[in-house]
Full PDB file with SEQRES, HELIX, SHEET, SSBOND, CRYST1, ORIGX, SCALE, CONECT and MASTER records, all heavy atoms in Angstrom:
SEQRES   1 A   36  LYS GLU ARG GLU GLY VAL SER CYS ILE TYR SER ARG ASP          
SEQRES   2 A   36  GLY SER THR TYR TYR ALA ASP SER VAL LYS GLY ARG TRP          
SEQRES   3 A   36  THR ILE SER ARG ASP ASN ALA LYS ASN THR                      
HELIX    1 AA1 ASN A   32  LYS A   34  5                                   3    
SHEET    1 AA1 2 SER A   7  ILE A   9  0                                        
SHEET    2 AA1 2 THR A  16  TYR A  18 -1                                        
CRYST1    1.000    1.000    1.000  90.00  90.00  90.00 P 1           1          
ORIGX1      1.000000  0.000000  0.000000        0.00000                         
ORIGX2      0.000000  1.000000  0.000000        0.00000                         
ORIGX3      0.000000  0.000000  1.000000        0.00000                         
SCALE1      1.000000  0.000000  0.000000        0.00000                         
SCALE2      0.000000  1.000000  0.000000        0.00000                         
SCALE3      0.000000  0.000000  1.000000        0.00000                         
ATOM      1  N   LYS A   1      97.099  -1.839 -77.300  1.00  0.00           N  
ATOM      2  CA  LYS A   1      97.784  -2.723 -78.244  1.00  0.00           C  
ATOM      3  C   LYS A   1      98.689  -3.692 -77.501  1.00  0.00           C  
ATOM      4  O   LYS A   1      99.082  -3.466 -76.360  1.00  0.00           O  
ATOM      5  CB  LYS A   1      98.599  -1.907 -79.247  1.00  0.00           C  
ATOM      6  CG  LYS A   1      97.751  -1.046 -80.175  1.00  0.00           C  
ATOM      7  CD  LYS A   1      98.598  -0.419 -81.260  1.00  0.00           C  
ATOM      8  CE  LYS A   1      97.737   0.382 -82.231  1.00  0.00           C  
ATOM      9  NZ  LYS A   1      98.549   0.969 -83.330  1.00  0.00           N  
ATOM     10  N   GLU A   2      99.038  -4.762 -78.195  1.00  0.00           N  
ATOM     11  CA  GLU A   2      99.942  -5.729 -77.608  1.00  0.00           C  
ATOM     12  C   GLU A   2     101.382  -5.203 -77.635  1.00  0.00           C  
ATOM     13  O   GLU A   2     101.745  -4.367 -78.458  1.00  0.00           O  
ATOM     14  CB  GLU A   2      99.865  -7.053 -78.379  1.00  0.00           C  
ATOM     15  CG  GLU A   2      98.536  -7.772 -78.241  1.00  0.00           C  
ATOM     16  CD  GLU A   2      98.563  -9.134 -78.893  1.00  0.00           C  
ATOM     17  OE1 GLU A   2      99.559  -9.473 -79.540  1.00  0.00           O  
ATOM     18  OE2 GLU A   2      97.572  -9.872 -78.733  1.00  0.00           O  
ATOM     19  N   ARG A   3     102.165  -5.724 -76.723  1.00  0.00           N  
ATOM     20  CA  ARG A   3     103.574  -5.359 -76.704  1.00  0.00           C  
ATOM     21  C   ARG A   3     104.258  -5.982 -77.924  1.00  0.00           C  
ATOM     22  O   ARG A   3     104.052  -7.149 -78.237  1.00  0.00           O  
ATOM     23  CB  ARG A   3     104.220  -5.866 -75.413  1.00  0.00           C  
ATOM     24  CG  ARG A   3     105.603  -5.327 -75.158  1.00  0.00           C  
ATOM     25  CD  ARG A   3     106.076  -5.667 -73.751  1.00  0.00           C  
ATOM     26  NE  ARG A   3     105.220  -5.046 -72.740  1.00  0.00           N  
ATOM     27  CZ  ARG A   3     105.488  -5.063 -71.436  1.00  0.00           C  
ATOM     28  NH1 ARG A   3     106.589  -5.647 -70.992  1.00  0.00           N  
ATOM     29  NH2 ARG A   3     104.667  -4.500 -70.584  1.00  0.00           N  
ATOM     30  N   GLU A   4     105.079  -5.178 -78.604  1.00  0.00           N  
ATOM     31  CA  GLU A   4     105.754  -5.647 -79.800  1.00  0.00           C  
ATOM     32  C   GLU A   4     107.243  -5.361 -79.739  1.00  0.00           C  
ATOM     33  O   GLU A   4     107.673  -4.360 -79.159  1.00  0.00           O  
ATOM     34  CB  GLU A   4     105.152  -4.986 -81.045  1.00  0.00           C  
ATOM     35  CG  GLU A   4     105.334  -3.491 -81.107  1.00  0.00           C  
ATOM     36  CD  GLU A   4     104.919  -2.890 -82.440  1.00  0.00           C  
ATOM     37  OE1 GLU A   4     104.681  -3.648 -83.389  1.00  0.00           O  
ATOM     38  OE2 GLU A   4     104.840  -1.647 -82.510  1.00  0.00           O  
ATOM     39  N   GLY A   5     108.020  -6.234 -80.339  1.00  0.00           N  
ATOM     40  CA  GLY A   5     109.457  -6.025 -80.400  1.00  0.00           C  
ATOM     41  C   GLY A   5     109.825  -5.115 -81.542  1.00  0.00           C  
ATOM     42  O   GLY A   5     109.254  -5.219 -82.633  1.00  0.00           O  
ATOM     43  N   VAL A   6     110.780  -4.215 -81.307  1.00  0.00           N  
ATOM     44  CA  VAL A   6     111.206  -3.301 -82.365  1.00  0.00           C  
ATOM     45  C   VAL A   6     112.668  -3.497 -82.758  1.00  0.00           C  
ATOM     46  O   VAL A   6     113.033  -3.280 -83.909  1.00  0.00           O  
ATOM     47  CB  VAL A   6     110.962  -1.827 -81.990  1.00  0.00           C  
ATOM     48  CG1 VAL A   6     109.477  -1.545 -81.841  1.00  0.00           C  
ATOM     49  CG2 VAL A   6     111.699  -1.458 -80.704  1.00  0.00           C  
ATOM     50  N   SER A   7     113.517  -3.933 -81.830  1.00  0.00           N  
ATOM     51  CA  SER A   7     114.915  -4.108 -82.162  1.00  0.00           C  
ATOM     52  C   SER A   7     115.606  -4.930 -81.084  1.00  0.00           C  
ATOM     53  O   SER A   7     115.132  -4.995 -79.950  1.00  0.00           O  
ATOM     54  CB  SER A   7     115.611  -2.749 -82.294  1.00  0.00           C  
ATOM     55  OG  SER A   7     116.951  -2.900 -82.720  1.00  0.00           O  
ATOM     56  N   CYS A   8     116.701  -5.569 -81.470  1.00  0.00           N  
ATOM     57  CA  CYS A   8     117.478  -6.300 -80.470  1.00  0.00           C  
ATOM     58  C   CYS A   8     118.944  -6.330 -80.889  1.00  0.00           C  
ATOM     59  O   CYS A   8     119.277  -6.094 -82.055  1.00  0.00           O  
ATOM     60  CB  CYS A   8     116.954  -7.717 -80.259  1.00  0.00           C  
ATOM     61  SG  CYS A   8     116.977  -8.753 -81.729  1.00  0.00           S  
ATOM     62  N   ILE A   9     119.782  -6.631 -79.903  1.00  0.00           N  
ATOM     63  CA  ILE A   9     121.220  -6.713 -80.144  1.00  0.00           C  
ATOM     64  C   ILE A   9     121.797  -7.823 -79.289  1.00  0.00           C  
ATOM     65  O   ILE A   9     121.331  -8.066 -78.164  1.00  0.00           O  
ATOM     66  CB  ILE A   9     121.901  -5.353 -79.848  1.00  0.00           C  
ATOM     67  CG1 ILE A   9     123.354  -5.353 -80.328  1.00  0.00           C  
ATOM     68  CG2 ILE A   9     121.815  -4.996 -78.368  1.00  0.00           C  
ATOM     69  CD1 ILE A   9     123.959  -3.943 -80.372  1.00  0.00           C  
ATOM     70  N   TYR A  10     122.795  -8.512 -79.826  1.00  0.00           N  
ATOM     71  CA  TYR A  10     123.423  -9.597 -79.102  1.00  0.00           C  
ATOM     72  C   TYR A  10     124.722  -9.090 -78.495  1.00  0.00           C  
ATOM     73  O   TYR A  10     125.512  -8.426 -79.172  1.00  0.00           O  
ATOM     74  CB  TYR A  10     123.692 -10.769 -80.040  1.00  0.00           C  
ATOM     75  CG  TYR A  10     124.217 -12.005 -79.363  1.00  0.00           C  
ATOM     76  CD1 TYR A  10     123.537 -12.568 -78.277  1.00  0.00           C  
ATOM     77  CD2 TYR A  10     125.387 -12.615 -79.795  1.00  0.00           C  
ATOM     78  CE1 TYR A  10     124.023 -13.706 -77.658  1.00  0.00           C  
ATOM     79  CE2 TYR A  10     125.866 -13.760 -79.181  1.00  0.00           C  
ATOM     80  CZ  TYR A  10     125.175 -14.293 -78.104  1.00  0.00           C  
ATOM     81  OH  TYR A  10     125.642 -15.422 -77.488  1.00  0.00           O  
ATOM     82  N   SER A  11     124.911  -9.414 -77.216  1.00  0.00           N  
ATOM     83  CA  SER A  11     125.994  -8.787 -76.458  1.00  0.00           C  
ATOM     84  C   SER A  11     127.377  -9.150 -76.977  1.00  0.00           C  
ATOM     85  O   SER A  11     128.294  -8.333 -76.937  1.00  0.00           O  
ATOM     86  CB  SER A  11     125.889  -9.163 -74.985  1.00  0.00           C  
ATOM     87  OG  SER A  11     126.043 -10.572 -74.812  1.00  0.00           O  
ATOM     88  N   ARG A  12     127.559 -10.377 -77.444  1.00  0.00           N  
ATOM     89  CA  ARG A  12     128.904 -10.818 -77.788  1.00  0.00           C  
ATOM     90  C   ARG A  12     129.418 -10.195 -79.069  1.00  0.00           C  
ATOM     91  O   ARG A  12     130.507  -9.632 -79.106  1.00  0.00           O  
ATOM     92  CB  ARG A  12     128.965 -12.337 -77.910  1.00  0.00           C  
ATOM     93  CG  ARG A  12     130.382 -12.876 -78.162  1.00  0.00           C  
ATOM     94  CD  ARG A  12     130.390 -14.354 -78.344  1.00  0.00           C  
ATOM     95  NE  ARG A  12     129.661 -14.765 -79.542  1.00  0.00           N  
ATOM     96  CZ  ARG A  12     129.512 -16.021 -79.936  1.00  0.00           C  
ATOM     97  NH1 ARG A  12     130.025 -17.002 -79.213  1.00  0.00           N  
ATOM     98  NH2 ARG A  12     128.858 -16.313 -81.021  1.00  0.00           N  
ATOM     99  N   ASP A  13     128.625 -10.253 -80.140  1.00  0.00           N  
ATOM    100  CA  ASP A  13     129.150  -9.805 -81.432  1.00  0.00           C  
ATOM    101  C   ASP A  13     128.412  -8.603 -82.005  1.00  0.00           C  
ATOM    102  O   ASP A  13     128.737  -8.150 -83.097  1.00  0.00           O  
ATOM    103  CB  ASP A  13     129.133 -10.945 -82.449  1.00  0.00           C  
ATOM    104  CG  ASP A  13     127.727 -11.449 -82.745  1.00  0.00           C  
ATOM    105  OD1 ASP A  13     126.749 -10.858 -82.255  1.00  0.00           O  
ATOM    106  OD2 ASP A  13     127.602 -12.451 -83.475  1.00  0.00           O  
ATOM    107  N   GLY A  14     127.430  -8.088 -81.289  1.00  0.00           N  
ATOM    108  CA  GLY A  14     126.719  -6.906 -81.747  1.00  0.00           C  
ATOM    109  C   GLY A  14     125.738  -7.151 -82.872  1.00  0.00           C  
ATOM    110  O   GLY A  14     125.279  -6.189 -83.497  1.00  0.00           O  
ATOM    111  N   SER A  15     125.398  -8.398 -83.158  1.00  0.00           N  
ATOM    112  CA  SER A  15     124.398  -8.673 -84.181  1.00  0.00           C  
ATOM    113  C   SER A  15     123.099  -7.980 -83.820  1.00  0.00           C  
ATOM    114  O   SER A  15     122.706  -7.941 -82.647  1.00  0.00           O  
ATOM    115  CB  SER A  15     124.156 -10.179 -84.294  1.00  0.00           C  
ATOM    116  OG  SER A  15     125.316 -10.847 -84.697  1.00  0.00           O  
ATOM    117  N   THR A  16     122.444  -7.433 -84.832  1.00  0.00           N  
ATOM    118  CA  THR A  16     121.240  -6.652 -84.577  1.00  0.00           C  
ATOM    119  C   THR A  16     120.068  -7.136 -85.424  1.00  0.00           C  
ATOM    120  O   THR A  16     120.244  -7.842 -86.428  1.00  0.00           O  
ATOM    121  CB  THR A  16     121.471  -5.162 -84.866  1.00  0.00           C  
ATOM    122  OG1 THR A  16     121.840  -5.014 -86.249  1.00  0.00           O  
ATOM    123  CG2 THR A  16     122.555  -4.585 -83.983  1.00  0.00           C  
ATOM    124  N   TYR A  17     118.901  -6.725 -85.004  1.00  0.00           N  
ATOM    125  CA  TYR A  17     117.675  -6.994 -85.741  1.00  0.00           C  
ATOM    126  C   TYR A  17     116.751  -5.802 -85.556  1.00  0.00           C  
ATOM    127  O   TYR A  17     116.713  -5.191 -84.480  1.00  0.00           O  
ATOM    128  CB  TYR A  17     116.998  -8.264 -85.214  1.00  0.00           C  
ATOM    129  CG  TYR A  17     115.570  -8.422 -85.711  1.00  0.00           C  
ATOM    130  CD1 TYR A  17     115.320  -8.927 -86.970  1.00  0.00           C  
ATOM    131  CD2 TYR A  17     114.505  -8.019 -84.921  1.00  0.00           C  
ATOM    132  CE1 TYR A  17     114.015  -9.041 -87.435  1.00  0.00           C  
ATOM    133  CE2 TYR A  17     113.201  -8.132 -85.373  1.00  0.00           C  
ATOM    134  CZ  TYR A  17     112.970  -8.639 -86.632  1.00  0.00           C  
ATOM    135  OH  TYR A  17     111.690  -8.753 -87.082  1.00  0.00           O  
ATOM    136  N   TYR A  18     116.016  -5.472 -86.623  1.00  0.00           N  
ATOM    137  CA  TYR A  18     115.041  -4.381 -86.565  1.00  0.00           C  
ATOM    138  C   TYR A  18     113.719  -4.843 -87.153  1.00  0.00           C  
ATOM    139  O   TYR A  18     113.690  -5.503 -88.201  1.00  0.00           O  
ATOM    140  CB  TYR A  18     115.535  -3.173 -87.358  1.00  0.00           C  
ATOM    141  CG  TYR A  18     116.815  -2.581 -86.838  1.00  0.00           C  
ATOM    142  CD1 TYR A  18     118.049  -2.958 -87.359  1.00  0.00           C  
ATOM    143  CD2 TYR A  18     116.799  -1.618 -85.831  1.00  0.00           C  
ATOM    144  CE1 TYR A  18     119.232  -2.421 -86.881  1.00  0.00           C  
ATOM    145  CE2 TYR A  18     117.977  -1.058 -85.346  1.00  0.00           C  
ATOM    146  CZ  TYR A  18     119.182  -1.477 -85.882  1.00  0.00           C  
ATOM    147  OH  TYR A  18     120.352  -0.934 -85.406  1.00  0.00           O  
ATOM    148  N   ALA A  19     112.644  -4.458 -86.498  1.00  0.00           N  
ATOM    149  CA  ALA A  19     111.340  -4.670 -87.097  1.00  0.00           C  
ATOM    150  C   ALA A  19     111.196  -3.759 -88.308  1.00  0.00           C  
ATOM    151  O   ALA A  19     111.821  -2.693 -88.378  1.00  0.00           O  
ATOM    152  CB  ALA A  19     110.245  -4.369 -86.076  1.00  0.00           C  
ATOM    153  N   ASP A  20     110.376  -4.170 -89.253  1.00  0.00           N  
ATOM    154  CA  ASP A  20     110.205  -3.378 -90.469  1.00  0.00           C  
ATOM    155  C   ASP A  20     109.729  -1.959 -90.176  1.00  0.00           C  
ATOM    156  O   ASP A  20     110.072  -1.015 -90.900  1.00  0.00           O  
ATOM    157  CB  ASP A  20     109.195  -4.070 -91.395  1.00  0.00           C  
ATOM    158  CG  ASP A  20     109.766  -5.322 -92.037  1.00  0.00           C  
ATOM    159  OD1 ASP A  20     111.001  -5.495 -92.024  1.00  0.00           O  
ATOM    160  OD2 ASP A  20     108.974  -6.136 -92.543  1.00  0.00           O  
ATOM    161  N   SER A  21     108.948  -1.802 -89.123  1.00  0.00           N  
ATOM    162  CA  SER A  21     108.375  -0.494 -88.797  1.00  0.00           C  
ATOM    163  C   SER A  21     109.427   0.536 -88.406  1.00  0.00           C  
ATOM    164  O   SER A  21     109.164   1.746 -88.464  1.00  0.00           O  
ATOM    165  CB  SER A  21     107.344  -0.636 -87.677  1.00  0.00           C  
ATOM    166  OG  SER A  21     107.943  -1.203 -86.533  1.00  0.00           O  
ATOM    167  N   VAL A  22     110.608   0.092 -87.999  1.00  0.00           N  
ATOM    168  CA  VAL A  22     111.640   1.036 -87.544  1.00  0.00           C  
ATOM    169  C   VAL A  22     112.918   0.944 -88.368  1.00  0.00           C  
ATOM    170  O   VAL A  22     113.816   1.777 -88.208  1.00  0.00           O  
ATOM    171  CB  VAL A  22     111.967   0.833 -86.057  1.00  0.00           C  
ATOM    172  CG1 VAL A  22     110.689   0.883 -85.224  1.00  0.00           C  
ATOM    173  CG2 VAL A  22     112.718  -0.463 -85.810  1.00  0.00           C  
ATOM    174  N   LYS A  23     113.008  -0.028 -89.245  1.00  0.00           N  
ATOM    175  CA  LYS A  23     114.223  -0.235 -90.031  1.00  0.00           C  
ATOM    176  C   LYS A  23     114.532   1.000 -90.866  1.00  0.00           C  
ATOM    177  O   LYS A  23     113.657   1.577 -91.502  1.00  0.00           O  
ATOM    178  CB  LYS A  23     114.048  -1.462 -90.921  1.00  0.00           C  
ATOM    179  CG  LYS A  23     115.310  -2.007 -91.519  1.00  0.00           C  
ATOM    180  CD  LYS A  23     115.028  -3.283 -92.294  1.00  0.00           C  
ATOM    181  CE  LYS A  23     114.480  -4.378 -91.420  1.00  0.00           C  
ATOM    182  NZ  LYS A  23     114.229  -5.632 -92.170  1.00  0.00           N  
ATOM    183  N   GLY A  24     115.772   1.413 -90.832  1.00  0.00           N  
ATOM    184  CA  GLY A  24     116.191   2.593 -91.578  1.00  0.00           C  
ATOM    185  C   GLY A  24     116.027   3.893 -90.813  1.00  0.00           C  
ATOM    186  O   GLY A  24     116.581   4.929 -91.209  1.00  0.00           O  
ATOM    187  N   ARG A  25     115.260   3.880 -89.740  1.00  0.00           N  
ATOM    188  CA  ARG A  25     115.053   5.083 -88.930  1.00  0.00           C  
ATOM    189  C   ARG A  25     115.795   5.004 -87.604  1.00  0.00           C  
ATOM    190  O   ARG A  25     116.234   6.030 -87.070  1.00  0.00           O  
ATOM    191  CB  ARG A  25     113.566   5.302 -88.660  1.00  0.00           C  
ATOM    192  CG  ARG A  25     112.707   5.494 -89.889  1.00  0.00           C  
ATOM    193  CD  ARG A  25     111.298   5.943 -89.502  1.00  0.00           C  
ATOM    194  NE  ARG A  25     110.572   4.922 -88.754  1.00  0.00           N  
ATOM    195  CZ  ARG A  25     109.917   5.147 -87.625  1.00  0.00           C  
ATOM    196  NH1 ARG A  25     109.916   6.365 -87.096  1.00  0.00           N  
ATOM    197  NH2 ARG A  25     109.257   4.167 -87.013  1.00  0.00           N  
ATOM    198  N   TRP A  26     115.903   3.813 -87.061  1.00  0.00           N  
ATOM    199  CA  TRP A  26     116.455   3.648 -85.722  1.00  0.00           C  
ATOM    200  C   TRP A  26     117.714   2.798 -85.761  1.00  0.00           C  
ATOM    201  O   TRP A  26     117.899   1.967 -86.644  1.00  0.00           O  
ATOM    202  CB  TRP A  26     115.419   2.995 -84.816  1.00  0.00           C  
ATOM    203  CG  TRP A  26     114.177   3.822 -84.630  1.00  0.00           C  
ATOM    204  CD1 TRP A  26     113.870   5.017 -85.224  1.00  0.00           C  
ATOM    205  CD2 TRP A  26     113.073   3.491 -83.810  1.00  0.00           C  
ATOM    206  NE1 TRP A  26     112.642   5.446 -84.812  1.00  0.00           N  
ATOM    207  CE2 TRP A  26     112.131   4.545 -83.940  1.00  0.00           C  
ATOM    208  CE3 TRP A  26     112.777   2.436 -82.957  1.00  0.00           C  
ATOM    209  CZ2 TRP A  26     110.923   4.550 -83.256  1.00  0.00           C  
ATOM    210  CZ3 TRP A  26     111.583   2.433 -82.283  1.00  0.00           C  
ATOM    211  CH2 TRP A  26     110.663   3.483 -82.425  1.00  0.00           C  
ATOM    212  N   THR A  27     118.543   3.014 -84.711  1.00  0.00           N  
ATOM    213  CA  THR A  27     119.780   2.257 -84.599  1.00  0.00           C  
ATOM    214  C   THR A  27     119.962   1.789 -83.167  1.00  0.00           C  
ATOM    215  O   THR A  27     119.862   2.599 -82.230  1.00  0.00           O  
ATOM    216  CB  THR A  27     120.992   3.118 -85.002  1.00  0.00           C  
ATOM    217  OG1 THR A  27     120.811   3.602 -86.331  1.00  0.00           O  
ATOM    218  CG2 THR A  27     122.275   2.296 -84.938  1.00  0.00           C  
ATOM    219  N   ILE A  28     120.221   0.501 -83.009  1.00  0.00           N  
ATOM    220  CA  ILE A  28     120.519  -0.049 -81.699  1.00  0.00           C  
ATOM    221  C   ILE A  28     122.026  -0.243 -81.592  1.00  0.00           C  
ATOM    222  O   ILE A  28     122.686  -0.603 -82.567  1.00  0.00           O  
ATOM    223  CB  ILE A  28     119.762  -1.381 -81.464  1.00  0.00           C  
ATOM    224  CG1 ILE A  28     119.852  -1.819 -80.013  1.00  0.00           C  
ATOM    225  CG2 ILE A  28     120.259  -2.471 -82.400  1.00  0.00           C  
ATOM    226  CD1 ILE A  28     118.930  -2.990 -79.664  1.00  0.00           C  
ATOM    227  N   SER A  29     122.569   0.033 -80.420  1.00  0.00           N  
ATOM    228  CA  SER A  29     124.007  -0.131 -80.204  1.00  0.00           C  
ATOM    229  C   SER A  29     124.252  -0.509 -78.752  1.00  0.00           C  
ATOM    230  O   SER A  29     123.343  -0.440 -77.924  1.00  0.00           O  
ATOM    231  CB  SER A  29     124.751   1.160 -80.556  1.00  0.00           C  
ATOM    232  OG  SER A  29     124.325   2.235 -79.731  1.00  0.00           O  
ATOM    233  N   ARG A  30     125.485  -0.884 -78.485  1.00  0.00           N  
ATOM    234  CA  ARG A  30     125.812  -1.300 -77.115  1.00  0.00           C  
ATOM    235  C   ARG A  30     127.148  -0.753 -76.702  1.00  0.00           C  
ATOM    236  O   ARG A  30     128.026  -0.511 -77.537  1.00  0.00           O  
ATOM    237  CB  ARG A  30     125.834  -2.829 -77.013  1.00  0.00           C  
ATOM    238  CG  ARG A  30     127.094  -3.469 -77.589  1.00  0.00           C  
ATOM    239  CD  ARG A  30     126.917  -4.916 -77.876  1.00  0.00           C  
ATOM    240  NE  ARG A  30     128.151  -5.647 -78.102  1.00  0.00           N  
ATOM    241  CZ  ARG A  30     128.907  -5.562 -79.178  1.00  0.00           C  
ATOM    242  NH1 ARG A  30     128.586  -4.740 -80.146  1.00  0.00           N  
ATOM    243  NH2 ARG A  30     129.988  -6.306 -79.294  1.00  0.00           N  
ATOM    244  N   ASP A  31     127.306  -0.563 -75.425  1.00  0.00           N  
ATOM    245  CA  ASP A  31     128.594  -0.218 -74.828  1.00  0.00           C  
ATOM    246  C   ASP A  31     128.815  -1.252 -73.736  1.00  0.00           C  
ATOM    247  O   ASP A  31     128.288  -1.110 -72.622  1.00  0.00           O  
ATOM    248  CB  ASP A  31     128.573   1.204 -74.271  1.00  0.00           C  
ATOM    249  CG  ASP A  31     129.921   1.642 -73.740  1.00  0.00           C  
ATOM    250  OD1 ASP A  31     130.724   0.772 -73.340  1.00  0.00           O  
ATOM    251  OD2 ASP A  31     130.174   2.854 -73.711  1.00  0.00           O  
ATOM    252  N   ASN A  32     129.552  -2.291 -74.059  1.00  0.00           N  
ATOM    253  CA  ASN A  32     129.728  -3.383 -73.100  1.00  0.00           C  
ATOM    254  C   ASN A  32     130.456  -2.935 -71.843  1.00  0.00           C  
ATOM    255  O   ASN A  32     130.221  -3.474 -70.753  1.00  0.00           O  
ATOM    256  CB  ASN A  32     130.453  -4.550 -73.763  1.00  0.00           C  
ATOM    257  CG  ASN A  32     129.555  -5.338 -74.694  1.00  0.00           C  
ATOM    258  OD1 ASN A  32     128.333  -5.179 -74.698  1.00  0.00           O  
ATOM    259  ND2 ASN A  32     130.152  -6.189 -75.512  1.00  0.00           N  
ATOM    260  N   ALA A  33     131.331  -1.957 -71.974  1.00  0.00           N  
ATOM    261  CA  ALA A  33     132.059  -1.475 -70.794  1.00  0.00           C  
ATOM    262  C   ALA A  33     131.115  -0.825 -69.793  1.00  0.00           C  
ATOM    263  O   ALA A  33     131.360  -0.863 -68.578  1.00  0.00           O  
ATOM    264  CB  ALA A  33     133.136  -0.488 -71.223  1.00  0.00           C  
ATOM    265  N   LYS A  34     130.052  -0.222 -70.308  1.00  0.00           N  
ATOM    266  CA  LYS A  34     129.076   0.447 -69.434  1.00  0.00           C  
ATOM    267  C   LYS A  34     127.843  -0.422 -69.202  1.00  0.00           C  
ATOM    268  O   LYS A  34     126.906   0.013 -68.526  1.00  0.00           O  
ATOM    269  CB  LYS A  34     128.644   1.775 -70.048  1.00  0.00           C  
ATOM    270  CG  LYS A  34     129.759   2.795 -70.144  1.00  0.00           C  
ATOM    271  CD  LYS A  34     129.234   4.118 -70.717  1.00  0.00           C  
ATOM    272  CE  LYS A  34     130.331   5.160 -70.786  1.00  0.00           C  
ATOM    273  NZ  LYS A  34     129.845   6.450 -71.345  1.00  0.00           N  
ATOM    274  N   ASN A  35     127.826  -1.624 -69.785  1.00  0.00           N  
ATOM    275  CA  ASN A  35     126.650  -2.495 -69.682  1.00  0.00           C  
ATOM    276  C   ASN A  35     125.374  -1.752 -70.064  1.00  0.00           C  
ATOM    277  O   ASN A  35     124.342  -1.848 -69.376  1.00  0.00           O  
ATOM    278  CB  ASN A  35     126.521  -3.062 -68.265  1.00  0.00           C  
ATOM    279  CG  ASN A  35     127.592  -4.093 -67.958  1.00  0.00           C  
ATOM    280  OD1 ASN A  35     128.096  -4.770 -68.858  1.00  0.00           O  
ATOM    281  ND2 ASN A  35     127.960  -4.210 -66.698  1.00  0.00           N  
ATOM    282  N   THR A  36     125.455  -1.019 -71.147  1.00  0.00           N  
ATOM    283  CA  THR A  36     124.332  -0.188 -71.570  1.00  0.00           C  
ATOM    284  C   THR A  36     124.045  -0.416 -73.052  1.00  0.00           C  
ATOM    285  O   THR A  36     124.971  -0.525 -73.855  1.00  0.00           O  
ATOM    286  CB  THR A  36     124.623   1.292 -71.313  1.00  0.00           C  
ATOM    287  OG1 THR A  36     124.850   1.489 -69.911  1.00  0.00           O  
ATOM    288  CG2 THR A  36     123.443   2.161 -71.745  1.00  0.00           C  
TER     289      THR A  36                                                      
MASTER        0    0    0    1    2    0    0    6  288    1    0    3          
END                                                                             
């Protein structure tokens, strides 16, 4: 299969996006202090 995007987050304000296939099941988050 082709590579597909499932989620993303913006470093400055934490804005997020989820593909429909994972929405409601998965959560993306960031720790800017750990660059993770």
